């Protein structure tokens, strides 16, 4: 019933910016957090940024000072990506977590969107 829909992304040159948007449809709970992950070819999926219910934010060291996660509305998470580098090239995934059955954490994932940074 929960659908995680991502938008944005595309291909840009180094130094340029992109904004990713995520909206959770059919969400009947208050997410404990929403996050953006990314996966580079041949690599493990890694956390990029996580926005908690209490507005605490965690960023990967590789994106600190360049990326900003925000919650413009309920069940949404935007990722503003500035000063993009070629190493930011990846498929980006939006994640929503439900803690209703904690310590069992329920995850909902988007389909992933491509971000390509190249000259």
Protein backbone atom coordinates (compact mmCIF):
# COMPACT_ATOMS: atom_id res chain seq x y z
CA UNK A 1 0.00 0.00 0.00
CA UNK A 2 2.90 2.35 0.70
CA UNK A 3 4.51 3.68 -2.45
CA UNK A 4 7.72 5.68 -2.41
CA UNK A 5 7.96 7.93 -5.44
CA UNK A 6 11.19 9.65 -6.41
CA UNK A 7 11.70 12.43 -8.92
CA UNK A 8 14.51 14.62 -10.14
CA UNK A 9 17.92 13.38 -11.04
CA UNK A 10 19.51 13.44 -14.45
CA UNK A 11 22.88 14.21 -15.96
CA UNK A 12 24.94 17.27 -15.05
CA UNK A 13 28.51 18.50 -15.21
CA UNK A 14 30.79 18.66 -12.17
CA UNK A 15 30.04 21.63 -9.95
CA UNK A 16 26.40 21.83 -10.93
CA UNK A 17 23.35 21.07 -8.79
CA UNK A 18 20.38 18.74 -8.75
CA UNK A 19 17.41 18.35 -6.46
CA UNK A 20 15.86 14.98 -5.72
CA UNK A 21 12.33 14.75 -4.36
CA UNK A 22 10.64 11.88 -2.57
CA UNK A 23 7.03 11.46 -1.56
CA UNK A 24 5.48 8.60 0.36
CA UNK A 25 2.02 7.70 -0.87
CA UNK A 26 -0.45 5.76 1.23
CA UNK A 27 1.55 6.37 4.39
CA UNK A 28 -0.68 6.03 7.46
CA UNK A 29 2.05 6.43 10.06
CA UNK A 30 4.50 9.13 11.03
CA UNK A 31 7.87 7.96 9.69
CA UNK A 32 10.57 7.66 12.29
CA UNK A 33 12.86 8.94 9.59
CA UNK A 34 13.22 9.38 5.87
CA UNK A 35 16.51 9.04 4.10
CA UNK A 36 18.34 9.05 0.83
CA UNK A 37 20.76 6.27 -0.08
CA UNK A 38 22.85 5.72 -3.17
CA UNK A 39 24.49 2.79 -4.87
CA UNK A 40 27.42 3.07 -7.23
CA UNK A 41 28.00 0.31 -9.80
CA UNK A 42 29.62 -2.69 -8.16
CA UNK A 43 29.40 -1.16 -4.70
CA UNK A 44 27.20 -1.52 -1.65
CA UNK A 45 24.28 0.79 -1.08
CA UNK A 46 25.32 3.58 1.27
CA UNK A 47 23.52 6.15 3.36
CA UNK A 48 23.70 9.69 2.00
CA UNK A 49 21.46 11.58 4.40
CA UNK A 50 18.83 10.75 7.00
CA UNK A 51 16.21 13.11 8.42
CA UNK A 52 14.71 11.97 11.70
CA UNK A 53 11.25 12.65 13.06
CA UNK A 54 12.75 15.07 15.58
CA UNK A 55 14.56 16.91 12.74
CA UNK A 56 18.00 15.56 13.57
CA UNK A 57 19.98 15.01 10.37
CA UNK A 58 22.80 12.61 9.60
CA UNK A 59 25.01 13.06 6.54
CA UNK A 60 27.66 10.88 5.02
CA UNK A 61 31.07 12.51 5.35
CA UNK A 62 31.41 12.52 1.58
CA UNK A 63 28.44 14.87 1.13
CA UNK A 64 28.67 17.14 4.17
CA UNK A 65 28.58 20.77 3.17
CA UNK A 66 27.30 19.93 -0.30
CA UNK A 67 24.00 18.07 0.16
CA UNK A 68 20.98 19.12 2.20
CA UNK A 69 18.04 16.94 3.13
CA UNK A 70 14.74 18.58 4.05
CA UNK A 71 11.07 17.85 4.70
CA UNK A 72 8.99 20.36 2.74
CA UNK A 73 5.80 18.48 3.66
CA UNK A 74 4.68 15.42 5.57
CA UNK A 75 5.87 12.13 4.06
CA UNK A 76 8.35 13.94 1.84
CA UNK A 77 12.12 14.23 1.76
CA UNK A 78 14.04 16.39 -0.67
CA UNK A 79 17.76 16.17 -1.29
CA UNK A 80 19.44 19.30 -2.60
CA UNK A 81 22.73 18.29 -4.19
CA UNK A 82 25.24 21.07 -4.80
CA UNK A 83 28.81 21.07 -6.06
CA UNK A 84 28.30 17.67 -7.61
CA UNK A 85 31.32 15.53 -8.30
CA UNK A 86 31.81 12.57 -10.66
CA UNK A 87 31.98 10.27 -7.63
CA UNK A 88 28.39 11.26 -6.81
CA UNK A 89 27.28 9.31 -9.86
CA UNK A 90 24.95 6.58 -8.61
CA UNK A 91 21.42 5.36 -8.39
CA UNK A 92 19.75 7.21 -5.54
CA UNK A 93 17.04 5.58 -3.43
CA UNK A 94 14.55 7.13 -1.04
CA UNK A 95 13.86 5.24 2.17
CA UNK A 96 11.06 5.52 4.72
CA UNK A 97 11.25 3.77 8.08
CA UNK A 98 8.40 2.78 10.37
CA UNK A 99 9.22 1.98 14.00
CA UNK A 100 5.74 0.74 14.96
CA UNK A 101 7.04 -2.77 15.67
CA UNK A 102 10.40 -1.70 17.05
CA UNK A 103 12.95 -3.25 17.39
CA UNK A 104 11.76 -4.63 14.07
CA UNK A 105 12.15 -1.74 11.63
CA UNK A 106 9.94 -1.63 8.56
CA UNK A 107 11.56 -0.18 5.46
CA UNK A 108 9.91 1.19 2.35
CA UNK A 109 12.03 1.91 -0.71
CA UNK A 110 11.70 3.86 -3.91
CA UNK A 111 12.62 2.37 -7.25
CA UNK A 112 15.77 4.45 -7.55
CA UNK A 113 16.71 7.31 -9.85
CA UNK A 114 19.91 7.86 -11.78
CA UNK A 115 22.25 10.74 -11.09
CA UNK A 116 25.17 11.11 -13.48
CA UNK A 117 27.91 13.69 -13.02
CA UNK A 118 30.41 13.88 -15.86
CA UNK A 119 32.17 16.27 -18.18
